[in-house]
Protein backbone atom coordinates (compact mmCIF):
# COMPACT_ATOMS: atom_id res chain seq x y z
CA MET A 1 20.92 -4.80 -16.39
CA ASN A 2 20.54 -8.62 -16.65
CA SER A 3 23.68 -10.31 -15.47
CA ASN A 4 23.11 -13.48 -17.95
CA VAL A 5 23.58 -11.41 -20.60
CA SER A 6 27.01 -12.03 -22.70
CA LYS A 7 29.65 -9.71 -23.84
CA ASN A 8 28.81 -9.83 -27.45
CA GLU A 9 24.93 -8.59 -26.44
CA LEU A 10 26.72 -6.07 -24.46
CA ARG A 11 29.01 -5.31 -27.19
CA LEU A 12 26.13 -4.51 -29.48
CA LYS A 13 24.02 -2.57 -26.97
CA MET A 14 26.88 -0.58 -26.20
CA ARG A 15 27.63 0.19 -29.58
CA ALA A 16 24.55 1.05 -30.70
CA GLU A 17 24.47 3.83 -27.49
CA LEU A 18 27.74 5.21 -29.03
CA ALA A 19 26.12 5.59 -32.25
CA ALA A 20 23.29 6.92 -30.95
CA LEU A 21 25.51 10.10 -29.71
CA THR A 22 24.48 13.20 -31.32
CA PRO A 23 27.05 15.55 -32.79
CA GLU A 24 26.20 18.00 -29.49
CA GLU A 25 25.94 15.08 -27.04
CA TYR A 26 29.24 14.12 -28.01
CA GLN A 27 31.05 17.27 -27.51
CA VAL A 28 29.50 17.70 -23.95
CA LEU A 29 30.64 14.27 -23.30
CA ASN A 30 34.15 14.99 -24.40
CA ARG A 31 34.12 18.54 -22.73
CA GLY A 32 33.74 16.93 -19.11
CA LEU A 33 36.06 14.25 -19.56
CA TYR A 34 38.85 16.27 -21.02
CA ALA A 35 38.58 18.95 -17.99
CA GLY A 36 38.26 15.96 -15.72
CA PHE A 37 41.10 14.06 -17.28
CA MET A 38 43.70 17.03 -17.42
CA ALA A 39 42.88 17.97 -13.41
CA LEU A 40 43.96 14.58 -12.32
CA GLU A 41 47.12 14.47 -9.97
CA LEU A 42 48.39 10.90 -11.79
CA ILE A 43 48.30 13.17 -15.44
CA SER A 44 50.57 15.80 -13.89
CA LYS A 45 52.83 13.22 -12.31
CA ALA A 46 53.37 10.71 -15.12
CA ASP A 47 56.03 11.33 -17.83
CA LYS A 48 55.24 8.23 -19.95
CA LEU A 49 51.85 7.71 -21.15
CA MET A 50 50.03 5.56 -23.31
CA LEU A 51 46.85 6.47 -24.51
CA TYR A 52 44.45 5.17 -27.71
CA TYR A 53 43.58 6.81 -30.79
CA SER A 54 39.73 7.22 -30.56
CA VAL A 55 37.56 5.84 -33.50
CA ARG A 56 34.22 6.21 -33.94
CA ASN A 57 32.16 7.43 -31.08
CA GLU A 58 34.80 6.77 -28.19
CA VAL A 59 35.68 8.78 -25.76
CA ASN A 60 37.70 11.55 -27.80
CA THR A 61 41.72 11.35 -26.84
CA VAL A 62 43.13 13.59 -29.99
CA ALA A 63 42.16 16.59 -27.90
CA LEU A 64 43.85 14.96 -24.78
CA ILE A 65 47.26 13.63 -26.89
CA ARG A 66 47.95 17.09 -28.23
CA GLU A 67 47.75 18.15 -24.62
CA LEU A 68 50.08 16.02 -23.57
CA LEU A 69 52.12 16.30 -26.65
CA LYS A 70 52.17 20.03 -25.26
CA LEU A 71 53.02 19.71 -21.79
CA GLY A 72 56.63 17.74 -22.50
CA LYS A 73 55.20 14.08 -21.63
CA THR A 74 56.46 10.74 -23.65
CA VAL A 75 53.23 10.01 -25.54
CA ALA A 76 52.73 6.40 -26.92
CA LEU A 77 49.89 4.99 -29.24
CA PRO A 78 49.30 1.39 -28.80
CA VAL A 79 50.34 -0.67 -32.26
CA CYS A 80 48.89 -3.79 -33.42
CA ALA A 81 52.06 -6.50 -33.93
CA PRO A 82 51.95 -9.97 -34.94
CA GLY A 83 50.10 -12.11 -32.55
CA ARG A 84 47.55 -10.09 -31.50
CA ASP A 85 50.02 -8.20 -29.48
CA LEU A 86 50.06 -4.65 -29.20
CA GLN A 87 53.50 -2.25 -28.57
CA ALA A 88 53.92 1.20 -27.45
CA ALA A 89 54.97 3.45 -30.15
CA VAL A 90 55.97 7.04 -29.19
CA ILE A 91 54.95 10.02 -31.14
CA HIS A 92 55.74 13.71 -31.22
CA ASP A 93 53.16 14.91 -33.35
CA LEU A 94 49.86 13.43 -34.32
CA SER A 95 50.87 14.10 -38.17
CA GLU A 96 52.59 10.76 -37.44
CA LEU A 97 49.79 8.21 -37.57
CA ARG A 98 48.88 6.21 -40.48
CA ALA A 99 45.07 4.33 -41.02
CA ALA A 100 45.78 0.99 -39.93
CA ARG A 101 43.82 -2.43 -39.50
CA PHE A 102 40.10 -1.78 -37.76
CA GLY A 103 39.62 1.62 -38.31
CA LEU A 104 42.34 2.74 -36.15
CA MET A 105 45.02 5.17 -36.62
CA GLU A 106 48.72 4.01 -35.21
CA PRO A 107 52.44 5.55 -35.34
CA GLY A 108 54.46 4.64 -38.61
CA PRO A 109 56.74 1.93 -38.45
CA LYS A 110 59.78 4.20 -37.59
CA ALA A 111 58.14 5.20 -34.49
CA PRO A 112 60.31 4.30 -31.45
CA LEU A 113 59.14 1.85 -28.93
CA LEU A 114 58.91 1.84 -24.95
CA GLU A 115 58.71 -1.12 -23.30
CA LYS A 116 55.59 -1.61 -21.35
CA ASP A 117 57.43 -1.22 -17.76
CA GLN A 118 58.43 2.17 -18.97
CA LEU A 119 55.02 3.20 -18.80
CA GLU A 120 53.77 4.89 -15.95
CA LEU A 121 50.25 5.06 -16.99
CA VAL A 122 48.02 3.18 -19.83
CA VAL A 123 44.92 4.75 -20.99
CA THR A 124 42.52 2.27 -22.00
CA PRO A 125 39.46 1.88 -24.22
CA GLY A 126 36.54 0.31 -23.22
CA LEU A 127 32.55 -0.36 -24.68
CA ALA A 128 31.78 -0.94 -20.81
CA PHE A 129 33.23 -1.02 -17.69
CA ASP A 130 31.73 -2.26 -14.42
CA GLU A 131 31.67 -0.71 -10.80
CA ARG A 132 34.34 -3.26 -9.83
CA GLY A 133 36.89 -1.59 -12.17
CA TYR A 134 36.60 -4.63 -15.23
CA ARG A 135 36.07 -3.37 -18.89
CA LEU A 136 34.42 -4.65 -22.28
CA GLY A 137 36.95 -4.31 -25.02
CA HIS A 138 35.89 -4.78 -28.50
CA GLY A 139 36.75 -8.82 -28.40
CA ALA A 140 40.16 -9.30 -29.96
CA GLY A 141 42.19 -9.52 -25.87
CA TYR A 142 44.82 -7.13 -27.27
CA TYR A 143 44.46 -4.63 -24.39
CA ASP A 144 43.84 -7.76 -21.52
CA ARG A 145 47.29 -9.25 -23.04
CA PHE A 146 49.15 -6.19 -23.48
CA LEU A 147 48.12 -5.32 -19.75
CA ALA A 148 48.81 -8.91 -18.17
CA GLY A 149 52.33 -8.16 -18.87
CA ILE A 150 52.67 -4.70 -16.63
CA PRO A 151 50.53 -5.13 -13.58
CA SER A 152 52.43 -2.32 -11.61
CA VAL A 153 51.84 0.36 -14.28
CA PHE A 154 48.44 2.20 -13.58
CA LYS A 155 45.56 1.39 -15.96
CA LEU A 156 42.82 4.37 -16.24
CA GLY A 157 39.64 3.74 -18.23
CA LEU A 158 37.49 6.54 -19.99
CA ALA A 159 34.14 5.99 -20.42
CA TYR A 160 31.16 8.15 -20.95
CA ASP A 161 28.69 7.92 -17.85
CA PHE A 162 25.96 5.32 -19.56
CA GLN A 163 28.95 2.88 -20.36
CA LEU A 164 29.22 2.18 -16.17
CA ILE A 165 27.16 -0.76 -15.39
CA PRO A 166 26.71 -2.83 -12.26
CA ARG A 167 28.63 -5.93 -13.57
CA LEU A 168 30.20 -7.32 -16.27
CA PRO A 169 30.37 -10.95 -17.11
CA VAL A 170 34.25 -12.00 -16.24
CA GLU A 171 36.96 -14.36 -17.12
CA SER A 172 40.26 -15.66 -15.90
CA HIS A 173 42.34 -13.14 -18.51
CA ASP A 174 40.44 -10.07 -18.23
CA ILE A 175 42.52 -7.25 -16.55
CA ARG A 176 41.05 -4.63 -13.68
CA MET A 177 41.65 -1.31 -14.44
CA ASP A 178 43.24 0.77 -11.29
CA ALA A 179 40.37 3.55 -12.05
CA LEU A 180 37.94 4.89 -14.50
CA LEU A 181 37.01 8.34 -15.16
CA THR A 182 33.60 9.62 -16.67
CA PRO A 183 32.17 13.00 -17.44
CA THR A 184 31.39 12.82 -14.21
CA LYS A 185 33.14 10.83 -11.81
CA TYR A 186 36.43 9.30 -10.70
CA LEU A 187 36.02 5.61 -9.63
CA SER A 188 39.30 4.12 -7.89
CA PHE A 189 39.33 0.54 -7.85
CA THR A 190 42.81 0.27 -5.92
């Protein structure tokens, strides 16, 4: 990929590639990711995790959330707070979610909040990731601000293989992942 491509051009390209996935491709890719995710030692060891609720053709996290809840893990999902901040709100069942801005699903207003430093693992969405561990989000900066406040918490990106590119344009506020999981590989950046 051309190193002179802007973040916005990359966002458009990745959104188009995600939208082009057939339902069959989407299912196959997510089955591979699900198996790899549940086999990770860091998942079995972590008790307090934050995941995102997938929208559109993002890596599907719904089955992961259900399984983690069945295993008795404390599962938090992000809530968009004033000031373009994220909060980690605990859920016990997916029925506790409600429609929110940007087409997202969030825990309801009565969901208990976890302090950021209580988290052991944050599963982070992205439109693209590079081979150094940097991610390209949707452009609002919510996750970069959230993750900047918890440098010691393990940050795991989830992506399909075509979302992994050699090098993303990086700015000073961009937060690097500790690892990335795709349907075919696990990359550690620590």
